[in-house]
Amino acid sequence: MPTKPATTLRYTSPKPLWRFGWVGWAILPIAIVLGVVYFSGYDLRTLLFNKIYEFFGIDTLYFILLRFILPSGLS
């Protein structure tokens, strides 16, 4: 007698409010904060660079700038 294939998803009830699943509700606060930062004109990149400098030092900041930030701007 053939066996039924095992299902990998246990959560099969319909999605709650606004068709958001649990992943959508987890991502929603992050999306709201990034939207507020984007539309308010707040400079999040400078804040991030300052925190990297405070915690890890100038060598790490130079490494990140030269390895990841500048090459993407030059292409």
PDB file of N, CA and C in Angstrom:
ATOM      1  N   MET A   1       0.844  -1.173   0.000  1.00  0.00           N
ATOM      2  CA  MET A   1       0.000   0.000   0.000  1.00  0.00           C
ATOM      3  C   MET A   1       0.894   1.243   0.000  1.00  0.00           C
ATOM      4  N   PRO A   2       0.678   2.211  -0.912  1.00  0.00           N
ATOM      5  CA  PRO A   2       1.528   3.404  -0.964  1.00  0.00           C
ATOM      6  C   PRO A   2       1.293   4.304   0.243  1.00  0.00           C
ATOM      7  N   THR A   3       2.376   4.899   0.682  1.00  0.00           N
ATOM      8  CA  THR A   3       2.279   5.810   1.826  1.00  0.00           C
ATOM      9  C   THR A   3       2.135   7.236   1.329  1.00  0.00           C
ATOM     10  N   LYS A   4       1.540   8.070   2.142  1.00  0.00           N
ATOM     11  CA  LYS A   4       1.376   9.479   1.792  1.00  0.00           C
ATOM     12  C   LYS A   4       2.695  10.215   2.016  1.00  0.00           C
ATOM     13  N   PRO A   5       3.048  11.140   1.138  1.00  0.00           N
ATOM     14  CA  PRO A   5       4.283  11.907   1.372  1.00  0.00           C
ATOM     15  C   PRO A   5       4.117  12.819   2.584  1.00  0.00           C
ATOM     16  N   ALA A   6       5.189  12.958   3.298  1.00  0.00           N
ATOM     17  CA  ALA A   6       5.169  13.813   4.489  1.00  0.00           C
ATOM     18  C   ALA A   6       5.145  15.275   4.059  1.00  0.00           C
ATOM     19  N   THR A   7       4.339  16.041   4.732  1.00  0.00           N
ATOM     20  CA  THR A   7       4.306  17.475   4.446  1.00  0.00           C
ATOM     21  C   THR A   7       5.313  18.183   5.329  1.00  0.00           C
ATOM     22  N   THR A   8       5.941  19.197   4.782  1.00  0.00           N
ATOM     23  CA  THR A   8       6.949  19.917   5.552  1.00  0.00           C
ATOM     24  C   THR A   8       6.359  21.099   6.301  1.00  0.00           C
ATOM     25  N   LEU A   9       5.201  21.604   5.855  1.00  0.00           N
ATOM     26  CA  LEU A   9       4.589  22.742   6.520  1.00  0.00           C
ATOM     27  C   LEU A   9       3.477  22.262   7.436  1.00  0.00           C
ATOM     28  N   ARG A  10       3.555  22.639   8.690  1.00  0.00           N
ATOM     29  CA  ARG A  10       2.515  22.250   9.625  1.00  0.00           C
ATOM     30  C   ARG A  10       1.442  23.318   9.751  1.00  0.00           C
ATOM     31  N   TYR A  11       1.779  24.563   9.478  1.00  0.00           N
ATOM     32  CA  TYR A  11       0.836  25.656   9.625  1.00  0.00           C
ATOM     33  C   TYR A  11       0.032  25.761   8.333  1.00  0.00           C
ATOM     34  N   THR A  12      -1.181  25.245   8.338  1.00  0.00           N
ATOM     35  CA  THR A  12      -1.985  25.223   7.121  1.00  0.00           C
ATOM     36  C   THR A  12      -3.255  26.056   7.226  1.00  0.00           C
ATOM     37  N   SER A  13      -3.472  26.726   8.336  1.00  0.00           N
ATOM     38  CA  SER A  13      -4.674  27.546   8.450  1.00  0.00           C
ATOM     39  C   SER A  13      -4.523  28.797   7.583  1.00  0.00           C
ATOM     40  N   PRO A  14      -5.629  29.446   7.249  1.00  0.00           N
ATOM     41  CA  PRO A  14      -5.528  30.635   6.396  1.00  0.00           C
ATOM     42  C   PRO A  14      -4.727  31.745   7.060  1.00  0.00           C
ATOM     43  N   LYS A  15      -4.126  32.575   6.229  1.00  0.00           N
ATOM     44  CA  LYS A  15      -3.298  33.658   6.762  1.00  0.00           C
ATOM     45  C   LYS A  15      -4.175  34.675   7.474  1.00  0.00           C
ATOM     46  N   PRO A  16      -3.678  35.226   8.567  1.00  0.00           N
ATOM     47  CA  PRO A  16      -4.479  36.177   9.329  1.00  0.00           C
ATOM     48  C   PRO A  16      -4.589  37.530   8.633  1.00  0.00           C
ATOM     49  N   LEU A  17      -4.880  38.524   9.382  1.00  0.00           N
ATOM     50  CA  LEU A  17      -5.142  39.886   8.944  1.00  0.00           C
ATOM     51  C   LEU A  17      -4.220  40.337   7.815  1.00  0.00           C
ATOM     52  N   TRP A  18      -4.787  40.885   6.761  1.00  0.00           N
ATOM     53  CA  TRP A  18      -4.081  41.424   5.594  1.00  0.00           C
ATOM     54  C   TRP A  18      -3.217  40.393   4.887  1.00  0.00           C
ATOM     55  N   ARG A  19      -3.527  39.142   5.034  1.00  0.00           N
ATOM     56  CA  ARG A  19      -2.819  38.030   4.395  1.00  0.00           C
ATOM     57  C   ARG A  19      -1.334  38.006   4.744  1.00  0.00           C
ATOM     58  N   PHE A  20      -0.987  38.496   5.919  1.00  0.00           N
ATOM     59  CA  PHE A  20       0.388  38.422   6.409  1.00  0.00           C
ATOM     60  C   PHE A  20       0.553  37.099   7.136  1.00  0.00           C
ATOM     61  N   GLY A  21       1.636  36.414   6.880  1.00  0.00           N
ATOM     62  CA  GLY A  21       2.004  35.264   7.685  1.00  0.00           C
ATOM     63  C   GLY A  21       2.907  35.733   8.818  1.00  0.00           C
ATOM     64  N   TRP A  22       3.472  34.804   9.538  1.00  0.00           N
ATOM     65  CA  TRP A  22       4.340  35.188  10.661  1.00  0.00           C
ATOM     66  C   TRP A  22       5.612  35.847  10.151  1.00  0.00           C
ATOM     67  N   VAL A  23       6.067  35.483   8.975  1.00  0.00           N
ATOM     68  CA  VAL A  23       7.264  36.120   8.418  1.00  0.00           C
ATOM     69  C   VAL A  23       6.962  37.576   8.063  1.00  0.00           C
ATOM     70  N   GLY A  24       5.789  37.825   7.519  1.00  0.00           N
ATOM     71  CA  GLY A  24       5.405  39.193   7.192  1.00  0.00           C
ATOM     72  C   GLY A  24       5.329  40.081   8.413  1.00  0.00           C
ATOM     73  N   TRP A  25       4.779  39.545   9.500  1.00  0.00           N
ATOM     74  CA  TRP A  25       4.698  40.338  10.731  1.00  0.00           C
ATOM     75  C   TRP A  25       6.079  40.565  11.332  1.00  0.00           C
ATOM     76  N   ALA A  26       7.009  39.638  11.119  1.00  0.00           N
ATOM     77  CA  ALA A  26       8.366  39.825  11.636  1.00  0.00           C
ATOM     78  C   ALA A  26       9.123  40.882  10.827  1.00  0.00           C
ATOM     79  N   ILE A  27       8.847  40.966   9.541  1.00  0.00           N
ATOM     80  CA  ILE A  27       9.549  41.917   8.681  1.00  0.00           C
ATOM     81  C   ILE A  27       8.904  43.305   8.712  1.00  0.00           C
ATOM     82  N   LEU A  28       7.635  43.391   9.063  1.00  0.00           N
ATOM     83  CA  LEU A  28       6.905  44.656   9.027  1.00  0.00           C
ATOM     84  C   LEU A  28       7.550  45.771   9.850  1.00  0.00           C
ATOM     85  N   PRO A  29       7.983  45.549  11.114  1.00  0.00           N
ATOM     86  CA  PRO A  29       8.620  46.650  11.857  1.00  0.00           C
ATOM     87  C   PRO A  29       9.901  47.155  11.199  1.00  0.00           C
ATOM     88  N   ILE A  30      10.671  46.249  10.629  1.00  0.00           N
ATOM     89  CA  ILE A  30      11.902  46.648   9.944  1.00  0.00           C
ATOM     90  C   ILE A  30      11.566  47.496   8.721  1.00  0.00           C
ATOM     91  N   ALA A  31      10.551  47.091   7.975  1.00  0.00           N
ATOM     92  CA  ALA A  31      10.145  47.847   6.791  1.00  0.00           C
ATOM     93  C   ALA A  31       9.621  49.228   7.171  1.00  0.00           C
ATOM     94  N   ILE A  32       8.895  49.323   8.274  1.00  0.00           N
ATOM     95  CA  ILE A  32       8.374  50.620   8.716  1.00  0.00           C
ATOM     96  C   ILE A  32       9.515  51.553   9.098  1.00  0.00           C
ATOM     97  N   VAL A  33      10.476  51.043   9.861  1.00  0.00           N
ATOM     98  CA  VAL A  33      11.615  51.875  10.275  1.00  0.00           C
ATOM     99  C   VAL A  33      12.412  52.335   9.059  1.00  0.00           C
ATOM    100  N   LEU A  34      12.683  51.437   8.127  1.00  0.00           N
ATOM    101  CA  LEU A  34      13.431  51.828   6.930  1.00  0.00           C
ATOM    102  C   LEU A  34      12.641  52.814   6.072  1.00  0.00           C
ATOM    103  N   GLY A  35      11.325  52.671   6.031  1.00  0.00           N
ATOM    104  CA  GLY A  35      10.501  53.634   5.302  1.00  0.00           C
ATOM    105  C   GLY A  35      10.542  55.014   5.927  1.00  0.00           C
ATOM    106  N   VAL A  36      10.473  55.070   7.261  1.00  0.00           N
ATOM    107  CA  VAL A  36      10.552  56.361   7.956  1.00  0.00           C
ATOM    108  C   VAL A  36      11.912  57.004   7.729  1.00  0.00           C
ATOM    109  N   VAL A  37      12.970  56.209   7.804  1.00  0.00           N
ATOM    110  CA  VAL A  37      14.318  56.737   7.572  1.00  0.00           C
ATOM    111  C   VAL A  37      14.443  57.253   6.141  1.00  0.00           C
ATOM    112  N   TYR A  38      13.893  56.523   5.193  1.00  0.00           N
ATOM    113  CA  TYR A  38      13.994  56.922   3.786  1.00  0.00           C
ATOM    114  C   TYR A  38      13.249  58.225   3.517  1.00  0.00           C
ATOM    115  N   PHE A  39      12.017  58.328   3.986  1.00  0.00           N
ATOM    116  CA  PHE A  39      11.206  59.501   3.668  1.00  0.00           C
ATOM    117  C   PHE A  39      11.545  60.716   4.528  1.00  0.00           C
ATOM    118  N   SER A  40      12.162  60.510   5.685  1.00  0.00           N
ATOM    119  CA  SER A  40      12.521  61.658   6.523  1.00  0.00           C
ATOM    120  C   SER A  40      13.854  62.278   6.112  1.00  0.00           C
ATOM    121  N   GLY A  41      14.648  61.559   5.334  1.00  0.00           N
ATOM    122  CA  GLY A  41      15.931  62.085   4.900  1.00  0.00           C
ATOM    123  C   GLY A  41      17.039  61.900   5.931  1.00  0.00           C
ATOM    124  N   TYR A  42      16.799  61.086   6.950  1.00  0.00           N
ATOM    125  CA  TYR A  42      17.806  60.837   7.974  1.00  0.00           C
ATOM    126  C   TYR A  42      18.976  60.080   7.360  1.00  0.00           C
ATOM    127  N   ASP A  43      20.188  60.467   7.720  1.00  0.00           N
ATOM    128  CA  ASP A  43      21.382  59.867   7.136  1.00  0.00           C
ATOM    129  C   ASP A  43      21.796  58.641   7.949  1.00  0.00           C
ATOM    130  N   LEU A  44      21.244  57.510   7.593  1.00  0.00           N
ATOM    131  CA  LEU A  44      21.513  56.266   8.307  1.00  0.00           C
ATOM    132  C   LEU A  44      22.923  55.751   8.034  1.00  0.00           C
ATOM    133  N   ARG A  45      23.453  56.026   6.851  1.00  0.00           N
ATOM    134  CA  ARG A  45      24.787  55.538   6.511  1.00  0.00           C
ATOM    135  C   ARG A  45      25.860  56.183   7.386  1.00  0.00           C
ATOM    136  N   THR A  46      25.749  57.488   7.634  1.00  0.00           N
ATOM    137  CA  THR A  46      26.720  58.161   8.494  1.00  0.00           C
ATOM    138  C   THR A  46      26.651  57.632   9.915  1.00  0.00           C
ATOM    139  N   LEU A  47      25.451  57.385  10.416  1.00  0.00           N
ATOM    140  CA  LEU A  47      25.304  56.801  11.750  1.00  0.00           C
ATOM    141  C   LEU A  47      25.959  55.424  11.812  1.00  0.00           C
ATOM    142  N   LEU A  48      25.754  54.618  10.777  1.00  0.00           N
ATOM    143  CA  LEU A  48      26.360  53.291  10.730  1.00  0.00           C
ATOM    144  C   LEU A  48      27.884  53.382  10.695  1.00  0.00           C
ATOM    145  N   PHE A  49      28.433  54.302   9.905  1.00  0.00           N
ATOM    146  CA  PHE A  49      29.886  54.476   9.853  1.00  0.00           C
ATOM    147  C   PHE A  49      30.436  54.935  11.199  1.00  0.00           C
ATOM    148  N   ASN A  50      29.726  55.823  11.880  1.00  0.00           N
ATOM    149  CA  ASN A  50      30.169  56.275  13.201  1.00  0.00           C
ATOM    150  C   ASN A  50      30.192  55.131  14.207  1.00  0.00           C
ATOM    151  N   LYS A  51      29.175  54.277  14.174  1.00  0.00           N
ATOM    152  CA  LYS A  51      29.127  53.138  15.105  1.00  0.00           C
ATOM    153  C   LYS A  51      30.234  52.131  14.800  1.00  0.00           C
ATOM    154  N   ILE A  52      30.507  51.884  13.523  1.00  0.00           N
ATOM    155  CA  ILE A  52      31.606  50.988  13.157  1.00  0.00           C
ATOM    156  C   ILE A  52      32.926  51.555  13.653  1.00  0.00           C
ATOM    157  N   TYR A  53      33.118  52.862  13.502  1.00  0.00           N
ATOM    158  CA  TYR A  53      34.340  53.510  13.975  1.00  0.00           C
ATOM    159  C   TYR A  53      34.465  53.413  15.493  1.00  0.00           C
ATOM    160  N   GLU A  54      33.367  53.633  16.223  1.00  0.00           N
ATOM    161  CA  GLU A  54      33.411  53.581  17.688  1.00  0.00           C
ATOM    162  C   GLU A  54      33.717  52.179  18.200  1.00  0.00           C
ATOM    163  N   PHE A  55      33.089  51.164  17.615  1.00  0.00           N
ATOM    164  CA  PHE A  55      33.229  49.806  18.141  1.00  0.00           C
ATOM    165  C   PHE A  55      34.469  49.082  17.633  1.00  0.00           C
ATOM    166  N   PHE A  56      34.835  49.289  16.356  1.00  0.00           N
ATOM    167  CA  PHE A  56      35.892  48.479  15.759  1.00  0.00           C
ATOM    168  C   PHE A  56      37.140  49.254  15.366  1.00  0.00           C
ATOM    169  N   GLY A  57      37.060  50.573  15.275  1.00  0.00           N
ATOM    170  CA  GLY A  57      38.237  51.367  14.964  1.00  0.00           C
ATOM    171  C   GLY A  57      38.312  51.794  13.512  1.00  0.00           C
ATOM    172  N   ILE A  58      39.311  52.629  13.254  1.00  0.00           N
ATOM    173  CA  ILE A  58      39.455  53.239  11.936  1.00  0.00           C
ATOM    174  C   ILE A  58      39.896  52.237  10.876  1.00  0.00           C
ATOM    175  N   ASP A  59      40.682  51.227  11.262  1.00  0.00           N
ATOM    176  CA  ASP A  59      41.132  50.242  10.279  1.00  0.00           C
ATOM    177  C   ASP A  59      39.959  49.456   9.696  1.00  0.00           C
ATOM    178  N   THR A  60      39.019  49.073  10.539  1.00  0.00           N
ATOM    179  CA  THR A  60      37.842  48.354  10.058  1.00  0.00           C
ATOM    180  C   THR A  60      36.981  49.247   9.179  1.00  0.00           C
ATOM    181  N   LEU A  61      36.855  50.503   9.559  1.00  0.00           N
ATOM    182  CA  LEU A  61      36.074  51.431   8.740  1.00  0.00           C
ATOM    183  C   LEU A  61      36.713  51.608   7.369  1.00  0.00           C
ATOM    184  N   TYR A  62      38.023  51.770   7.312  1.00  0.00           N
ATOM    185  CA  TYR A  62      38.710  51.871   6.025  1.00  0.00           C
ATOM    186  C   TYR A  62      38.526  50.599   5.203  1.00  0.00           C
ATOM    187  N   PHE A  63      38.621  49.443   5.857  1.00  0.00           N
ATOM    188  CA  PHE A  63      38.446  48.173   5.152  1.00  0.00           C
ATOM    189  C   PHE A  63      37.060  48.095   4.517  1.00  0.00           C
ATOM    190  N   ILE A  64      36.029  48.439   5.276  1.00  0.00           N
ATOM    191  CA  ILE A  64      34.659  48.373   4.758  1.00  0.00           C
ATOM    192  C   ILE A  64      34.465  49.377   3.628  1.00  0.00           C
ATOM    193  N   LEU A  65      34.981  50.586   3.810  1.00  0.00           N
ATOM    194  CA  LEU A  65      34.825  51.601   2.769  1.00  0.00           C
ATOM    195  C   LEU A  65      35.549  51.212   1.482  1.00  0.00           C
ATOM    196  N   LEU A  66      36.786  50.761   1.606  1.00  0.00           N
ATOM    197  CA  LEU A  66      37.572  50.453   0.419  1.00  0.00           C
ATOM    198  C   LEU A  66      37.157  49.147  -0.239  1.00  0.00           C
ATOM    199  N   ARG A  67      36.650  48.198   0.542  1.00  0.00           N
ATOM    200  CA  ARG A  67      36.308  46.896  -0.009  1.00  0.00           C
ATOM    201  C   ARG A  67      34.891  46.844  -0.564  1.00  0.00           C
ATOM    202  N   PHE A  68      33.940  47.484   0.121  1.00  0.00           N
ATOM    203  CA  PHE A  68      32.536  47.309  -0.246  1.00  0.00           C
ATOM    204  C   PHE A  68      31.855  48.573  -0.768  1.00  0.00           C
ATOM    205  N   ILE A  69      32.148  49.725  -0.191  1.00  0.00           N
ATOM    206  CA  ILE A  69      31.397  50.931  -0.535  1.00  0.00           C
ATOM    207  C   ILE A  69      31.947  51.592  -1.803  1.00  0.00           C
ATOM    208  N   LEU A  70      33.240  51.865  -1.845  1.00  0.00           N
ATOM    209  CA  LEU A  70      33.811  52.574  -2.991  1.00  0.00           C
ATOM    210  C   LEU A  70      33.743  51.794  -4.304  1.00  0.00           C
ATOM    211  N   PRO A  71      34.049  50.497  -4.337  1.00  0.00           N
ATOM    212  CA  PRO A  71      33.954  49.796  -5.629  1.00  0.00           C
ATOM    213  C   PRO A  71      32.546  49.789  -6.208  1.00  0.00           C
ATOM    214  N   SER A  72      31.527  49.738  -5.373  1.00  0.00           N
ATOM    215  CA  SER A  72      30.162  49.740  -5.910  1.00  0.00           C
ATOM    216  C   SER A  72      29.795  51.109  -6.465  1.00  0.00           C
ATOM    217  N   GLY A  73      30.400  52.169  -5.947  1.00  0.00           N
ATOM    218  CA  GLY A  73      30.126  53.503  -6.466  1.00  0.00           C
ATOM    219  C   GLY A  73      30.900  53.825  -7.729  1.00  0.00           C
ATOM    220  N   LEU A  74      31.993  53.127  -7.959  1.00  0.00           N
ATOM    221  CA  LEU A  74      32.819  53.403  -9.130  1.00  0.00           C
ATOM    222  C   LEU A  74      32.345  52.678 -10.379  1.00  0.00           C
ATOM    223  N   SER A  75      31.532  51.652 -10.209  1.00  0.00           N
ATOM    224  CA  SER A  75      31.104  50.877 -11.388  1.00  0.00           C
ATOM    225  C   SER A  75      29.920  51.492 -12.084  1.00  0.00           C
TER     226      SER A  75
END
